């Protein structure tokens, strides 16, 4: 029924993604939970698909960079999140017959190393988002705060030989706060609505939705008012509005990128 609803209410691609997610969950993830520790990675793939479905449901291309960023964030985040949870409740998992990594790792060394490894990958994602043009440079700059907390919690879990409940619980609790902060900062610093021409996928998604009910969406969309309030409170936005050379990190970075692109284009045309 759910796949049929997606097919009727959205499009065949979104319905196919939904069907694939259900199939992977029931045919791969569920059996693996009692057979092999790789179930955590398979489950992370299943959990990373819904943002892609939301993107395609709104008319976006499956090959666009934006859904990849969201999907990658969810996939990478789930590994330290659930590994910390599995370490805290490893005895319960053992009694339930689940084959989790901590059950084959009595010292917790491998479990903690995996948490730290994927937290490191997660910390690089905002910089990749900026490099891909999805966000401004303020996203990776602000991510240093919440990624720093996540890395610190994962590092303490990995560095402490005892690896008690407290270290795993700290990482788990930090991971709960991490994802909302990541998504809010990604939303506030995304470029597509203002900086990229109307032919890109992000603009097509918004245009497709706004064509059907533009007056309603304009009232419901909180992003313009949030950005305007943010500009009034944000020092770097005020610095960019002066008559002197801009001091705003975003403005300076944009100028450097534009200059480099122009120089590269000029060199290519010679």
Protein backbone atom coordinates (compact mmCIF):
# COMPACT_ATOMS: atom_id res chain seq x y z
CA UNK A 1 0.00 0.00 0.00
CA UNK A 2 2.82 2.38 0.82
CA UNK A 3 4.60 1.82 -2.48
CA UNK A 4 1.30 2.24 -4.35
CA UNK A 5 0.67 5.51 -2.50
CA UNK A 6 4.11 6.76 -3.49
CA UNK A 7 3.52 5.76 -7.12
CA UNK A 8 0.19 7.59 -7.27
CA UNK A 9 1.11 10.58 -5.14
CA UNK A 10 4.68 11.20 -6.29
CA UNK A 11 6.41 9.42 -9.17
CA UNK A 12 7.63 5.94 -10.18
CA UNK A 13 11.24 6.67 -9.16
CA UNK A 14 10.26 7.48 -5.58
CA UNK A 15 8.03 4.41 -5.45
CA UNK A 16 10.90 2.26 -6.71
CA UNK A 17 13.20 3.66 -4.03
CA UNK A 18 10.57 2.91 -1.41
CA UNK A 19 10.14 -0.63 -2.67
CA UNK A 20 13.90 -1.12 -2.69
CA UNK A 21 14.15 0.14 0.89
CA UNK A 22 11.45 -2.26 2.06
CA UNK A 23 13.12 -5.12 0.21
CA UNK A 24 16.55 -4.35 1.66
CA UNK A 25 15.14 -4.05 5.16
CA UNK A 26 13.18 -7.30 5.09
CA UNK A 27 15.40 -9.47 2.89
CA UNK A 28 18.87 -8.30 3.93
CA UNK A 29 18.94 -6.24 7.11
CA UNK A 30 16.50 -8.30 9.21
CA UNK A 31 18.13 -11.70 8.51
CA UNK A 32 21.63 -10.25 8.99
CA UNK A 33 20.81 -9.02 12.49
CA UNK A 34 21.09 -12.58 13.82
CA UNK A 35 23.87 -13.67 11.45
CA UNK A 36 26.60 -11.07 10.97
CA UNK A 37 27.78 -7.71 12.41
CA UNK A 38 27.55 -6.19 8.92
CA UNK A 39 23.85 -5.71 9.65
CA UNK A 40 24.69 -2.26 11.08
CA UNK A 41 26.11 -1.07 7.75
CA UNK A 42 23.21 -2.54 5.76
CA UNK A 43 20.76 -0.89 8.15
CA UNK A 44 22.59 2.41 7.72
CA UNK A 45 22.05 2.18 3.95
CA UNK A 46 18.33 1.59 4.55
CA UNK A 47 18.19 4.58 6.89
CA UNK A 48 19.98 6.82 4.40
CA UNK A 49 17.50 6.34 1.54
CA UNK A 50 14.46 8.37 2.83
CA UNK A 51 16.07 11.80 2.21
CA UNK A 52 16.71 10.75 -1.38
CA UNK A 53 13.06 9.72 -1.67
CA UNK A 54 11.98 13.14 -0.41
CA UNK A 55 14.18 14.79 -3.02
CA UNK A 56 12.90 12.71 -5.92
CA UNK A 57 9.30 13.05 -4.69
CA UNK A 58 9.66 16.81 -5.09
CA UNK A 59 10.94 16.39 -8.65
CA UNK A 60 14.70 16.40 -8.10
CA UNK A 61 17.18 14.33 -10.05
CA UNK A 62 18.54 11.18 -8.44
CA UNK A 63 22.02 12.17 -9.66
CA UNK A 64 22.05 15.60 -8.00
CA UNK A 65 24.59 16.39 -5.29
CA UNK A 66 22.06 17.61 -2.69
CA UNK A 67 20.40 14.24 -1.93
CA UNK A 68 23.84 12.64 -1.83
CA UNK A 69 24.92 15.04 0.93
CA UNK A 70 21.83 14.29 3.01
CA UNK A 71 22.08 10.55 2.42
CA UNK A 72 25.81 10.47 3.20
CA UNK A 73 25.25 12.40 6.42
CA UNK A 74 22.64 9.93 7.63
CA UNK A 75 24.69 6.89 6.63
CA UNK A 76 27.89 8.09 8.31
CA UNK A 77 26.07 9.33 11.41
CA UNK A 78 24.33 6.04 12.04
CA UNK A 79 27.57 4.07 12.49
CA UNK A 80 28.93 5.80 15.63
CA UNK A 81 25.39 6.34 16.90
CA UNK A 82 24.40 2.67 16.82
CA UNK A 83 27.86 1.32 17.68
CA UNK A 84 27.81 3.33 20.90
CA UNK A 85 24.31 2.05 21.61
CA UNK A 86 25.34 -1.54 20.87
CA UNK A 87 28.33 -1.26 23.22
CA UNK A 88 26.14 0.04 26.06
CA UNK A 89 23.61 -2.76 25.64
CA UNK A 90 25.83 -5.51 24.30
CA UNK A 91 24.63 -7.98 26.93
CA UNK A 92 21.02 -7.36 25.94
CA UNK A 93 21.89 -7.82 22.28
CA UNK A 94 23.62 -11.10 23.15
CA UNK A 95 20.57 -12.36 25.01
CA UNK A 96 18.39 -11.45 22.04
CA UNK A 97 20.63 -13.36 19.63
CA UNK A 98 21.76 -10.33 17.62
CA UNK A 99 25.22 -10.41 16.01
CA UNK A 100 26.58 -6.96 16.72
CA UNK A 101 30.23 -5.91 16.43
CA UNK A 102 30.69 -5.34 20.20
CA UNK A 103 29.79 -8.98 20.83
CA UNK A 104 32.91 -10.11 18.95
CA UNK A 105 35.02 -7.31 20.46
CA UNK A 106 35.43 -7.91 24.22
CA UNK A 107 37.80 -4.97 24.76
CA UNK A 108 35.77 -2.54 22.64
CA UNK A 109 38.88 -1.52 20.72
CA UNK A 110 37.43 -2.29 17.27
CA UNK A 111 34.05 -0.80 18.16
CA UNK A 112 35.61 2.46 19.36
CA UNK A 113 37.92 2.59 16.33
CA UNK A 114 34.95 2.26 13.97
CA UNK A 115 33.13 5.04 15.83
CA UNK A 116 36.13 7.35 15.53
CA UNK A 117 36.70 6.47 11.86
CA UNK A 118 33.16 7.26 10.74
CA UNK A 119 33.00 10.36 12.92
CA UNK A 120 36.07 11.56 11.02
CA UNK A 121 34.36 10.94 7.70
CA UNK A 122 31.32 12.80 8.97
CA UNK A 123 33.46 15.79 9.95
CA UNK A 124 34.71 16.07 6.35
CA UNK A 125 31.23 16.17 4.84
CA UNK A 126 30.52 19.91 5.41
CA UNK A 127 33.77 20.75 3.63
CA UNK A 128 32.71 18.52 0.74
CA UNK A 129 29.34 20.29 0.67
CA UNK A 130 31.07 23.65 0.39
CA UNK A 131 33.48 22.38 -2.28
CA UNK A 132 30.54 21.05 -4.29
CA UNK A 133 28.76 24.42 -4.12
CA UNK A 134 25.85 23.15 -2.04
CA UNK A 135 26.57 25.50 0.88
CA UNK A 136 28.59 28.56 1.66
CA UNK A 137 31.88 28.31 3.56
CA UNK A 138 30.04 29.16 6.79
CA UNK A 139 28.67 25.63 6.94
CA UNK A 140 32.08 23.95 7.36
CA UNK A 141 33.19 26.77 9.66
CA UNK A 142 30.21 26.34 11.96
CA UNK A 143 30.48 22.57 11.71
CA UNK A 144 33.81 22.78 13.53
CA UNK A 145 31.78 23.25 16.73
CA UNK A 146 29.41 20.27 16.55
CA UNK A 147 31.89 18.07 14.69
CA UNK A 148 34.46 18.95 17.32
CA UNK A 149 32.12 17.74 20.07
CA UNK A 150 31.41 14.53 18.19
CA UNK A 151 35.10 13.90 17.51
CA UNK A 152 35.98 14.61 21.13
CA UNK A 153 33.38 12.12 22.38
CA UNK A 154 34.51 9.46 19.89
CA UNK A 155 38.17 10.09 20.74
CA UNK A 156 37.58 9.71 24.46
CA UNK A 157 35.71 6.47 23.83
CA UNK A 158 38.59 5.18 21.72
CA UNK A 159 41.41 6.42 23.94
CA UNK A 160 40.15 5.08 27.25
CA UNK A 161 41.15 1.40 27.66
CA UNK A 162 38.28 0.76 30.08
CA UNK A 163 35.63 1.96 27.63
CA UNK A 164 32.98 2.10 30.28
CA UNK A 165 29.31 2.83 29.85
CA UNK A 166 29.91 6.51 30.44
CA UNK A 167 32.16 6.95 27.40
CA UNK A 168 29.74 5.19 25.07
CA UNK A 169 26.77 7.03 26.55
CA UNK A 170 28.49 10.38 26.05
CA UNK A 171 29.06 9.60 22.39
CA UNK A 172 25.49 8.41 22.00
CA UNK A 173 24.02 11.56 23.57
CA UNK A 174 26.25 13.84 21.50
CA UNK A 175 25.12 12.00 18.36
CA UNK A 176 21.49 12.73 19.27
CA UNK A 177 22.21 16.47 19.27
CA UNK A 178 24.50 16.28 16.23
CA UNK A 179 22.00 15.49 13.50
CA UNK A 180 19.55 18.39 14.16
CA UNK A 181 22.47 20.83 14.30
CA UNK A 182 23.88 19.48 11.04
CA UNK A 183 20.55 19.75 9.24
CA UNK A 184 19.73 23.24 10.54
CA UNK A 185 23.14 24.61 9.54
CA UNK A 186 22.90 22.90 6.16
CA UNK A 187 19.51 24.53 5.58
CA UNK A 188 20.60 27.99 6.68
CA UNK A 189 23.78 27.99 4.60
CA UNK A 190 22.56 26.21 1.48
CA UNK A 191 23.25 28.18 -1.67
CA UNK A 192 20.83 26.82 -4.18
CA UNK A 193 17.82 29.04 -3.58
CA UNK A 194 19.75 32.28 -4.08
CA UNK A 195 23.07 31.69 -5.77
CA UNK A 196 22.55 29.15 -8.51
CA UNK A 197 20.68 29.74 -11.73
CA UNK A 198 17.13 28.52 -12.18
CA UNK A 199 18.15 25.53 -14.25
CA UNK A 200 19.61 23.51 -11.40
CA UNK A 201 17.90 20.63 -9.66
CA UNK A 202 17.38 22.40 -6.36
CA UNK A 203 15.60 25.28 -8.07
CA UNK A 204 13.53 22.84 -10.12
CA UNK A 205 12.36 21.13 -6.95
CA UNK A 206 11.24 24.39 -5.44
CA UNK A 207 9.71 25.61 -8.70
CA UNK A 208 7.78 22.39 -9.22
CA UNK A 209 6.29 22.67 -5.77
CA UNK A 210 5.61 26.40 -5.92
CA UNK A 211 3.87 26.24 -9.30
CA UNK A 212 1.03 24.24 -7.78
CA UNK A 213 0.38 26.47 -4.77
CA UNK A 214 2.77 29.40 -4.78
CA UNK A 215 0.74 31.65 -2.48
CA UNK A 216 0.37 28.99 0.19
CA UNK A 217 4.02 27.91 0.02
CA UNK A 218 5.27 31.46 0.20
CA UNK A 219 3.44 31.80 3.52
CA UNK A 220 4.54 28.44 4.86
CA UNK A 221 8.21 28.56 3.86
CA UNK A 222 10.09 29.95 6.88
CA UNK A 223 13.51 30.13 5.21
CA UNK A 224 13.39 33.75 3.97
CA UNK A 225 12.39 35.13 7.36
CA UNK A 226 14.93 32.93 9.15
CA UNK A 227 17.70 34.09 6.84
CA UNK A 228 16.73 37.72 7.30
CA UNK A 229 16.77 37.38 11.08
CA UNK A 230 20.09 35.58 10.86
CA UNK A 231 21.59 38.39 8.77
CA UNK A 232 20.60 40.95 11.41
CA UNK A 233 22.25 38.94 14.17
CA UNK A 234 25.26 37.64 12.26
CA UNK A 235 28.42 39.74 12.40
CA UNK A 236 29.85 38.46 9.12
CA UNK A 237 26.68 39.50 7.26
CA UNK A 238 27.01 43.04 8.62
CA UNK A 239 30.65 43.17 7.59
CA UNK A 240 29.74 42.35 4.00
CA UNK A 241 27.40 45.33 3.78
CA UNK A 242 30.10 47.98 4.26
CA UNK A 243 31.48 50.20 1.51
CA UNK A 244 34.99 48.95 2.22
CA UNK A 245 36.45 45.66 1.11
CA UNK A 246 34.19 42.88 2.38
CA UNK A 247 35.32 41.14 5.57
CA UNK A 248 32.59 38.53 5.54
CA UNK A 249 34.11 35.03 5.14
CA UNK A 250 31.39 34.06 2.66
CA UNK A 251 31.89 37.18 0.54
CA UNK A 252 35.69 36.88 0.60
CA UNK A 253 35.55 33.19 -0.29
CA UNK A 254 33.03 33.77 -3.07
CA UNK A 255 35.24 36.49 -4.53
CA UNK A 256 38.28 34.20 -4.45
CA UNK A 257 36.38 31.31 -6.06
CA UNK A 258 34.92 33.59 -8.75
CA UNK A 259 38.33 35.07 -9.46
CA UNK A 260 39.93 31.63 -9.72
CA UNK A 261 37.17 30.42 -12.02
CA UNK A 262 37.53 33.49 -14.25
CA UNK A 263 41.30 33.05 -14.44
CA UNK A 264 40.92 29.37 -15.29
CA UNK A 265 38.38 30.16 -18.00
CA UNK A 266 40.60 32.87 -19.46
CA UNK A 267 43.58 30.55 -19.48
CA UNK A 268 41.54 27.84 -21.20
CA UNK A 269 40.37 30.23 -23.93
CA UNK A 270 43.88 31.38 -24.79
